[in-house]
PDB file of N, CA and C in Angstrom:
ATOM      1  N   MET A   1     -24.154  -6.497   1.031  1.00  0.00           N
ATOM      2  CA  MET A   1     -23.795  -5.536   0.146  1.00  0.00           C
ATOM      3  C   MET A   1     -23.273  -4.230   0.944  1.00  0.00           C
ATOM      4  N   THR A   2     -22.217  -3.746   0.749  1.00  0.00           N
ATOM      5  CA  THR A   2     -21.739  -2.524   1.365  1.00  0.00           C
ATOM      6  C   THR A   2     -22.368  -1.286   0.552  1.00  0.00           C
ATOM      7  N   ARG A   3     -22.785  -0.360   1.544  1.00  0.00           N
ATOM      8  CA  ARG A   3     -23.369   0.791   0.990  1.00  0.00           C
ATOM      9  C   ARG A   3     -22.676   1.966   1.297  1.00  0.00           C
ATOM     10  N   GLN A   4     -22.461   3.022   0.519  1.00  0.00           N
ATOM     11  CA  GLN A   4     -21.895   4.252   0.750  1.00  0.00           C
ATOM     12  C   GLN A   4     -22.667   5.487   0.669  1.00  0.00           C
ATOM     13  N   LEU A   5     -22.379   6.657   1.222  1.00  0.00           N
ATOM     14  CA  LEU A   5     -23.167   7.756   1.049  1.00  0.00           C
ATOM     15  C   LEU A   5     -22.690   8.625  -0.083  1.00  0.00           C
ATOM     16  N   ASP A   6     -23.749   9.124  -0.712  1.00  0.00           N
ATOM     17  CA  ASP A   6     -23.349  10.082  -1.871  1.00  0.00           C
ATOM     18  C   ASP A   6     -23.245  11.378  -1.320  1.00  0.00           C
ATOM     19  N   LEU A   7     -22.959  12.497  -2.125  1.00  0.00           N
ATOM     20  CA  LEU A   7     -22.828  13.817  -1.599  1.00  0.00           C
ATOM     21  C   LEU A   7     -23.860  14.454  -0.681  1.00  0.00           C
ATOM     22  N   PHE A   8     -25.140  13.816  -0.929  1.00  0.00           N
ATOM     23  CA  PHE A   8     -26.264  14.317  -0.274  1.00  0.00           C
ATOM     24  C   PHE A   8     -26.729  13.507   0.957  1.00  0.00           C
ATOM     25  N   GLY A   9     -25.981  12.599   1.249  1.00  0.00           N
ATOM     26  CA  GLY A   9     -26.185  11.723   2.421  1.00  0.00           C
ATOM     27  C   GLY A   9     -27.250  10.531   2.122  1.00  0.00           C
ATOM     28  N   GLU A  10     -27.563  10.328   0.950  1.00  0.00           N
ATOM     29  CA  GLU A  10     -28.325   9.123   0.588  1.00  0.00           C
ATOM     30  C   GLU A  10     -27.470   7.979   0.307  1.00  0.00           C
ATOM     31  N   SER A  11     -27.809   6.805   0.797  1.00  0.00           N
ATOM     32  CA  SER A  11     -27.007   5.706   0.394  1.00  0.00           C
ATOM     33  C   SER A  11     -27.238   5.142  -0.838  1.00  0.00           C
ATOM     34  N   GLN A  12     -26.196   4.487  -1.551  1.00  0.00           N
ATOM     35  CA  GLN A  12     -26.081   3.914  -2.883  1.00  0.00           C
ATOM     36  C   GLN A  12     -25.471   2.666  -2.845  1.00  0.00           C
ATOM     37  N   PRO A  13     -25.921   1.823  -3.666  1.00  0.00           N
ATOM     38  CA  PRO A  13     -25.110   0.589  -3.712  1.00  0.00           C
ATOM     39  C   PRO A  13     -23.768   0.618  -4.376  1.00  0.00           C
ATOM     40  N   GLU A  14     -22.846  -0.284  -3.996  1.00  0.00           N
ATOM     41  CA  GLU A  14     -21.520  -0.175  -4.622  1.00  0.00           C
ATOM     42  C   GLU A  14     -21.641  -0.400  -6.183  1.00  0.00           C
ATOM     43  N   LEU A  15     -20.755   0.005  -7.006  1.00  0.00           N
ATOM     44  CA  LEU A  15     -20.819  -0.218  -8.313  1.00  0.00           C
ATOM     45  C   LEU A  15     -20.742  -1.661  -8.659  1.00  0.00           C
ATOM     46  N   PRO A  16     -21.415  -2.201  -9.661  1.00  0.00           N
ATOM     47  CA  PRO A  16     -21.399  -3.578 -10.075  1.00  0.00           C
ATOM     48  C   PRO A  16     -20.070  -3.859 -10.631  1.00  0.00           C
ATOM     49  N   GLY A  17     -19.590  -5.211 -10.011  1.00  0.00           N
ATOM     50  CA  GLY A  17     -18.380  -5.681 -10.486  1.00  0.00           C
ATOM     51  C   GLY A  17     -17.141  -5.080  -9.649  1.00  0.00           C
ATOM     52  N   VAL A  18     -17.353  -4.265  -8.650  1.00  0.00           N
ATOM     53  CA  VAL A  18     -16.305  -3.633  -7.841  1.00  0.00           C
ATOM     54  C   VAL A  18     -16.426  -4.344  -6.617  1.00  0.00           C
ATOM     55  N   ALA A  19     -15.229  -4.955  -6.224  1.00  0.00           N
ATOM     56  CA  ALA A  19     -15.103  -5.795  -4.921  1.00  0.00           C
ATOM     57  C   ALA A  19     -15.149  -4.785  -3.717  1.00  0.00           C
ATOM     58  N   ALA A  20     -15.694  -5.155  -2.731  1.00  0.00           N
ATOM     59  CA  ALA A  20     -15.741  -4.322  -1.425  1.00  0.00           C
ATOM     60  C   ALA A  20     -14.343  -4.333  -0.859  1.00  0.00           C
ATOM     61  N   ARG A  21     -13.899  -3.310  -0.106  1.00  0.00           N
ATOM     62  CA  ARG A  21     -12.741  -3.185   0.278  1.00  0.00           C
ATOM     63  C   ARG A  21     -12.334  -4.197   1.408  1.00  0.00           C
ATOM     64  N   VAL A  22     -11.086  -4.858   1.372  1.00  0.00           N
ATOM     65  CA  VAL A  22     -10.840  -5.949   2.264  1.00  0.00           C
ATOM     66  C   VAL A  22      -9.552  -5.390   3.075  1.00  0.00           C
ATOM     67  N   ASP A  23      -9.777  -5.390   4.438  1.00  0.00           N
ATOM     68  CA  ASP A  23      -8.734  -4.913   5.136  1.00  0.00           C
ATOM     69  C   ASP A  23      -7.577  -5.849   5.064  1.00  0.00           C
ATOM     70  N   TYR A  24      -6.396  -5.338   5.179  1.00  0.00           N
ATOM     71  CA  TYR A  24      -5.188  -6.222   4.986  1.00  0.00           C
ATOM     72  C   TYR A  24      -4.392  -6.290   6.366  1.00  0.00           C
ATOM     73  N   ARG A  25      -4.118  -7.600   6.732  1.00  0.00           N
ATOM     74  CA  ARG A  25      -3.515  -7.989   8.076  1.00  0.00           C
ATOM     75  C   ARG A  25      -2.457  -8.721   7.757  1.00  0.00           C
ATOM     76  N   PRO A  26      -1.281  -8.146   7.833  1.00  0.00           N
ATOM     77  CA  PRO A  26      -0.096  -8.971   7.615  1.00  0.00           C
ATOM     78  C   PRO A  26       0.121 -10.058   8.663  1.00  0.00           C
ATOM     79  N   ASP A  27       0.872 -11.179   8.327  1.00  0.00           N
ATOM     80  CA  ASP A  27       1.129 -12.229   9.259  1.00  0.00           C
ATOM     81  C   ASP A  27       2.211 -11.696  10.240  1.00  0.00           C
ATOM     82  N   PRO A  28       1.878 -11.589  11.629  1.00  0.00           N
ATOM     83  CA  PRO A  28       2.832 -11.133  12.608  1.00  0.00           C
ATOM     84  C   PRO A  28       4.140 -11.853  12.556  1.00  0.00           C
ATOM     85  N   ALA A  29       4.135 -13.286  12.177  1.00  0.00           N
ATOM     86  CA  ALA A  29       5.256 -14.069  12.142  1.00  0.00           C
ATOM     87  C   ALA A  29       6.292 -13.459  11.024  1.00  0.00           C
ATOM     88  N   LYS A  30       5.701 -13.278   9.926  1.00  0.00           N
ATOM     89  CA  LYS A  30       6.532 -12.676   8.703  1.00  0.00           C
ATOM     90  C   LYS A  30       7.089 -11.334   9.007  1.00  0.00           C
ATOM     91  N   VAL A  31       6.185 -10.474   9.599  1.00  0.00           N
ATOM     92  CA  VAL A  31       6.628  -9.132  10.211  1.00  0.00           C
ATOM     93  C   VAL A  31       7.846  -9.154  11.155  1.00  0.00           C
ATOM     94  N   ARG A  32       7.648  -9.997  12.225  1.00  0.00           N
ATOM     95  CA  ARG A  32       8.717 -10.289  13.187  1.00  0.00           C
ATOM     96  C   ARG A  32      10.022 -10.698  12.631  1.00  0.00           C
ATOM     97  N   ALA A  33       9.904 -11.701  11.521  1.00  0.00           N
ATOM     98  CA  ALA A  33      11.157 -12.352  11.009  1.00  0.00           C
ATOM     99  C   ALA A  33      11.783 -11.196  10.271  1.00  0.00           C
ATOM    100  N   GLU A  34      11.029 -10.373   9.410  1.00  0.00           N
ATOM    101  CA  GLU A  34      11.667  -9.381   8.739  1.00  0.00           C
ATOM    102  C   GLU A  34      12.337  -8.369   9.695  1.00  0.00           C
ATOM    103  N   LEU A  35      11.688  -7.787  10.645  1.00  0.00           N
ATOM    104  CA  LEU A  35      12.268  -6.837  11.660  1.00  0.00           C
ATOM    105  C   LEU A  35      13.478  -7.533  12.311  1.00  0.00           C
ATOM    106  N   LEU A  36      13.286  -8.643  12.758  1.00  0.00           N
ATOM    107  CA  LEU A  36      14.612  -9.368  13.340  1.00  0.00           C
ATOM    108  C   LEU A  36      15.756  -9.492  12.454  1.00  0.00           C
ATOM    109  N   ALA A  37      15.510  -9.800  11.198  1.00  0.00           N
ATOM    110  CA  ALA A  37      16.685  -9.852  10.163  1.00  0.00           C
ATOM    111  C   ALA A  37      17.243  -8.389   9.997  1.00  0.00           C
ATOM    112  N   VAL A  38      16.472  -7.356   9.864  1.00  0.00           N
ATOM    113  CA  VAL A  38      17.000  -6.015   9.832  1.00  0.00           C
ATOM    114  C   VAL A  38      17.794  -5.620  11.025  1.00  0.00           C
ATOM    115  N   LEU A  39      17.233  -5.966  12.163  1.00  0.00           N
ATOM    116  CA  LEU A  39      18.022  -5.773  13.418  1.00  0.00           C
ATOM    117  C   LEU A  39      19.296  -6.521  13.567  1.00  0.00           C
ATOM    118  N   ALA A  40      19.297  -7.772  13.055  1.00  0.00           N
ATOM    119  CA  ALA A  40      20.413  -8.500  13.095  1.00  0.00           C
ATOM    120  C   ALA A  40      21.534  -7.820  12.193  1.00  0.00           C
ATOM    121  N   GLN A  41      21.092  -7.446  11.012  1.00  0.00           N
ATOM    122  CA  GLN A  41      21.950  -6.836  10.065  1.00  0.00           C
ATOM    123  C   GLN A  41      22.677  -5.583  10.786  1.00  0.00           C
ATOM    124  N   ALA A  42      21.777  -4.827  11.395  1.00  0.00           N
ATOM    125  CA  ALA A  42      22.357  -3.624  11.899  1.00  0.00           C
ATOM    126  C   ALA A  42      23.325  -3.971  13.091  1.00  0.00           C
ATOM    127  N   ARG A  43      23.067  -5.164  13.929  1.00  0.00           N
ATOM    128  CA  ARG A  43      23.834  -5.410  15.020  1.00  0.00           C
ATOM    129  C   ARG A  43      25.413  -5.927  14.629  1.00  0.00           C
ATOM    130  N   ALA A  44      25.291  -6.654  13.424  1.00  0.00           N
ATOM    131  CA  ALA A  44      26.505  -7.246  12.920  1.00  0.00           C
ATOM    132  C   ALA A  44      27.352  -6.187  12.176  1.00  0.00           C
ATOM    133  N   ALA A  45      26.861  -5.146  12.020  1.00  0.00           N
ATOM    134  CA  ALA A  45      27.604  -3.964  11.170  1.00  0.00           C
ATOM    135  C   ALA A  45      28.537  -3.045  12.018  1.00  0.00           C
ATOM    136  N   ALA A  46      29.605  -2.768  11.517  1.00  0.00           N
ATOM    137  CA  ALA A  46      30.609  -1.903  12.174  1.00  0.00           C
ATOM    138  C   ALA A  46      30.177  -0.451  11.731  1.00  0.00           C
ATOM    139  N   SER A  47      29.614  -0.211  10.660  1.00  0.00           N
ATOM    140  CA  SER A  47      29.035   1.129  10.206  1.00  0.00           C
ATOM    141  C   SER A  47      27.783   0.833   9.311  1.00  0.00           C
ATOM    142  N   PHE A  48      27.117   1.781   9.019  1.00  0.00           N
ATOM    143  CA  PHE A  48      25.760   1.610   8.418  1.00  0.00           C
ATOM    144  C   PHE A  48      25.864   0.647   7.182  1.00  0.00           C
ATOM    145  N   PRO A  49      25.283  -0.469   7.233  1.00  0.00           N
ATOM    146  CA  PRO A  49      25.182  -1.526   6.217  1.00  0.00           C
ATOM    147  C   PRO A  49      24.399  -1.041   4.773  1.00  0.00           C
ATOM    148  N   LEU A  50      23.631   0.121   4.995  1.00  0.00           N
ATOM    149  CA  LEU A  50      22.954   0.590   3.826  1.00  0.00           C
ATOM    150  C   LEU A  50      23.421   1.873   3.416  1.00  0.00           C
ATOM    151  N   ASP A  51      23.100   2.263   2.182  1.00  0.00           N
ATOM    152  CA  ASP A  51      23.456   3.779   1.815  1.00  0.00           C
ATOM    153  C   ASP A  51      22.313   4.652   2.553  1.00  0.00           C
ATOM    154  N   SER A  52      22.492   5.903   2.354  1.00  0.00           N
ATOM    155  CA  SER A  52      21.594   6.965   3.207  1.00  0.00           C
ATOM    156  C   SER A  52      20.141   6.603   2.863  1.00  0.00           C
ATOM    157  N   ARG A  53      19.919   6.349   1.575  1.00  0.00           N
ATOM    158  CA  ARG A  53      18.523   6.076   1.311  1.00  0.00           C
ATOM    159  C   ARG A  53      17.866   4.807   1.901  1.00  0.00           C
ATOM    160  N   GLY A  54      18.648   3.761   1.989  1.00  0.00           N
ATOM    161  CA  GLY A  54      18.344   2.524   2.584  1.00  0.00           C
ATOM    162  C   GLY A  54      18.051   2.710   4.136  1.00  0.00           C
ATOM    163  N   THR A  55      18.912   3.569   4.793  1.00  0.00           N
ATOM    164  CA  THR A  55      19.013   3.757   6.164  1.00  0.00           C
ATOM    165  C   THR A  55      17.650   4.656   6.367  1.00  0.00           C
ATOM    166  N   LEU A  56      17.392   5.653   5.672  1.00  0.00           N
ATOM    167  CA  LEU A  56      16.346   6.437   5.799  1.00  0.00           C
ATOM    168  C   LEU A  56      14.871   5.562   5.741  1.00  0.00           C
ATOM    169  N   TYR A  57      15.002   4.725   4.724  1.00  0.00           N
ATOM    170  CA  TYR A  57      13.788   3.815   4.662  1.00  0.00           C
ATOM    171  C   TYR A  57      13.478   3.020   5.711  1.00  0.00           C
ATOM    172  N   TRP A  58      14.497   2.367   6.403  1.00  0.00           N
ATOM    173  CA  TRP A  58      14.316   1.475   7.551  1.00  0.00           C
ATOM    174  C   TRP A  58      14.157   2.266   8.891  1.00  0.00           C
ATOM    175  N   ARG A  59      14.661   3.491   8.970  1.00  0.00           N
ATOM    176  CA  ARG A  59      14.388   4.477  10.106  1.00  0.00           C
ATOM    177  C   ARG A  59      12.968   4.744  10.006  1.00  0.00           C
ATOM    178  N   THR A  60      12.215   4.896   8.746  1.00  0.00           N
ATOM    179  CA  THR A  60      10.872   5.191   8.685  1.00  0.00           C
ATOM    180  C   THR A  60      10.018   4.047   8.755  1.00  0.00           C
ATOM    181  N   VAL A  61      10.405   2.753   8.054  1.00  0.00           N
ATOM    182  CA  VAL A  61       9.424   1.675   7.960  1.00  0.00           C
ATOM    183  C   VAL A  61       9.531   0.773   9.249  1.00  0.00           C
ATOM    184  N   PHE A  62      10.648   0.609   9.807  1.00  0.00           N
ATOM    185  CA  PHE A  62      10.936  -0.209  11.078  1.00  0.00           C
ATOM    186  C   PHE A  62       9.758   0.061  12.036  1.00  0.00           C
ATOM    187  N   PRO A  63       9.594   1.255  12.621  1.00  0.00           N
ATOM    188  CA  PRO A  63       8.697   1.483  13.627  1.00  0.00           C
ATOM    189  C   PRO A  63       7.479   1.249  13.081  1.00  0.00           C
ATOM    190  N   GLN A  64       6.990   1.525  11.877  1.00  0.00           N
ATOM    191  CA  GLN A  64       5.692   1.401  11.367  1.00  0.00           C
ATOM    192  C   GLN A  64       5.383  -0.179  11.218  1.00  0.00           C
ATOM    193  N   MET A  65       6.306  -0.854  10.880  1.00  0.00           N
ATOM    194  CA  MET A  65       6.062  -2.434  10.765  1.00  0.00           C
ATOM    195  C   MET A  65       5.937  -3.024  12.008  1.00  0.00           C
ATOM    196  N   ALA A  66       6.497  -2.450  12.972  1.00  0.00           N
ATOM    197  CA  ALA A  66       6.409  -2.883  14.476  1.00  0.00           C
ATOM    198  C   ALA A  66       4.855  -2.825  14.976  1.00  0.00           C
ATOM    199  N   ASN A  67       4.208  -1.813  14.517  1.00  0.00           N
ATOM    200  CA  ASN A  67       2.738  -1.717  14.884  1.00  0.00           C
ATOM    201  C   ASN A  67       1.971  -2.845  14.633  1.00  0.00           C
ATOM    202  N   TRP A  68       2.422  -3.862  13.795  1.00  0.00           N
ATOM    203  CA  TRP A  68       1.585  -5.069  13.608  1.00  0.00           C
ATOM    204  C   TRP A  68       1.756  -6.160  14.522  1.00  0.00           C
ATOM    205  N   LEU A  69       2.834  -5.893  15.489  1.00  0.00           N
ATOM    206  CA  LEU A  69       3.103  -6.657  16.498  1.00  0.00           C
ATOM    207  C   LEU A  69       2.351  -6.342  17.781  1.00  0.00           C
ATOM    208  N   PRO A  70       2.282  -7.354  18.920  1.00  0.00           N
ATOM    209  CA  PRO A  70       1.873  -6.930  20.059  1.00  0.00           C
ATOM    210  C   PRO A  70       2.633  -5.655  20.801  1.00  0.00           C
ATOM    211  N   ASP A  71       1.765  -4.853  21.379  1.00  0.00           N
ATOM    212  CA  ASP A  71       2.489  -3.503  21.897  1.00  0.00           C
ATOM    213  C   ASP A  71       3.834  -3.630  22.578  1.00  0.00           C
ATOM    214  N   GLU A  72       4.100  -4.514  23.549  1.00  0.00           N
ATOM    215  CA  GLU A  72       5.126  -4.755  24.179  1.00  0.00           C
ATOM    216  C   GLU A  72       6.226  -5.204  23.352  1.00  0.00           C
ATOM    217  N   GLU A  73       6.078  -6.126  22.437  1.00  0.00           N
ATOM    218  CA  GLU A  73       7.181  -6.538  21.543  1.00  0.00           C
ATOM    219  C   GLU A  73       7.484  -5.453  20.564  1.00  0.00           C
ATOM    220  N   ALA A  74       6.620  -4.715  20.001  1.00  0.00           N
ATOM    221  CA  ALA A  74       6.873  -3.616  19.135  1.00  0.00           C
ATOM    222  C   ALA A  74       7.684  -2.511  19.767  1.00  0.00           C
ATOM    223  N   ALA A  75       7.360  -2.061  21.055  1.00  0.00           N
ATOM    224  CA  ALA A  75       8.164  -1.230  21.651  1.00  0.00           C
ATOM    225  C   ALA A  75       9.654  -1.674  22.012  1.00  0.00           C
ATOM    226  N   GLN A  76       9.683  -2.869  22.105  1.00  0.00           N
ATOM    227  CA  GLN A  76      11.099  -3.530  22.559  1.00  0.00           C
ATOM    228  C   GLN A  76      11.901  -3.507  21.400  1.00  0.00           C
ATOM    229  N   LEU A  77      11.185  -3.794  20.183  1.00  0.00           N
ATOM    230  CA  LEU A  77      12.056  -3.963  18.866  1.00  0.00           C
ATOM    231  C   LEU A  77      12.298  -2.480  18.426  1.00  0.00           C
ATOM    232  N   ARG A  78      11.468  -1.447  18.606  1.00  0.00           N
ATOM    233  CA  ARG A  78      11.658  -0.153  18.275  1.00  0.00           C
ATOM    234  C   ARG A  78      12.907   0.405  18.963  1.00  0.00           C
ATOM    235  N   LEU A  79      12.883   0.121  20.445  1.00  0.00           N
ATOM    236  CA  LEU A  79      13.858   0.569  21.349  1.00  0.00           C
ATOM    237  C   LEU A  79      15.323  -0.101  20.811  1.00  0.00           C
ATOM    238  N   GLU A  80      15.327  -1.264  20.573  1.00  0.00           N
ATOM    239  CA  GLU A  80      16.663  -2.013  20.176  1.00  0.00           C
ATOM    240  C   GLU A  80      17.011  -1.523  18.766  1.00  0.00           C
ATOM    241  N   PHE A  81      16.144  -1.150  17.808  1.00  0.00           N
ATOM    242  CA  PHE A  81      16.508  -0.787  16.422  1.00  0.00           C
ATOM    243  C   PHE A  81      17.065   0.732  16.652  1.00  0.00           C
ATOM    244  N   GLU A  82      16.453   1.518  17.449  1.00  0.00           N
ATOM    245  CA  GLU A  82      16.963   2.835  17.570  1.00  0.00           C
ATOM    246  C   GLU A  82      18.371   2.849  18.392  1.00  0.00           C
ATOM    247  N   ALA A  83      18.467   2.040  19.158  1.00  0.00           N
ATOM    248  CA  ALA A  83      19.939   1.839  19.975  1.00  0.00           C
ATOM    249  C   ALA A  83      20.987   1.502  18.815  1.00  0.00           C
ATOM    250  N   GLU A  84      20.618   0.535  17.956  1.00  0.00           N
ATOM    251  CA  GLU A  84      21.569   0.242  16.843  1.00  0.00           C
ATOM    252  C   GLU A  84      21.899   1.322  16.047  1.00  0.00           C
ATOM    253  N   VAL A  85      20.770   2.063  15.738  1.00  0.00           N
ATOM    254  CA  VAL A  85      20.931   3.272  14.730  1.00  0.00           C
ATOM    255  C   VAL A  85      21.817   4.276  15.341  1.00  0.00           C
ATOM    256  N   ARG A  86      21.696   4.620  16.797  1.00  0.00           N
ATOM    257  CA  ARG A  86      22.599   5.516  17.458  1.00  0.00           C
ATOM    258  C   ARG A  86      23.937   5.087  17.463  1.00  0.00           C
ATOM    259  N   ARG A  87      24.086   3.704  17.768  1.00  0.00           N
ATOM    260  CA  ARG A  87      25.494   3.228  17.617  1.00  0.00           C
ATOM    261  C   ARG A  87      26.217   3.370  16.454  1.00  0.00           C
ATOM    262  N   LEU A  88      25.512   3.147  15.405  1.00  0.00           N
ATOM    263  CA  LEU A  88      26.078   3.058  13.967  1.00  0.00           C
ATOM    264  C   LEU A  88      26.320   4.568  13.700  1.00  0.00           C
ATOM    265  N   GLU A  89      25.529   5.467  14.063  1.00  0.00           N
ATOM    266  CA  GLU A  89      25.683   6.921  13.809  1.00  0.00           C
ATOM    267  C   GLU A  89      27.107   7.402  14.498  1.00  0.00           C
ATOM    268  N   ALA A  90      27.288   6.890  15.670  1.00  0.00           N
ATOM    269  CA  ALA A  90      28.494   7.336  16.372  1.00  0.00           C
ATOM    270  C   ALA A  90      29.721   6.627  15.826  1.00  0.00           C
ATOM    271  N   ALA A  91      29.547   5.581  15.037  1.00  0.00           N
ATOM    272  CA  ALA A  91      30.687   4.924  14.566  1.00  0.00           C
ATOM    273  C   ALA A  91      31.466   5.574  13.498  1.00  0.00           C
TER     274      ALA A  91
END
């Protein structure tokens, strides 16, 4: 049973019927597939394929999603994505 501290530092049991927190770990293969699909869409575009909101979304989410991949792979995908964003901004 997981225990938590109350305001005074004394431990208390979890509430009955409340499940303990489970850490979420996404499937790296699914993360990779989604990031590669976004990158392919950007590479194929002559101009931004999304509206400004969608572009802002992926500029924020892409680097964060890459965190679920091995460090070297994540860094490479972030670099490639930013290169495509800069190319599209210049178009």
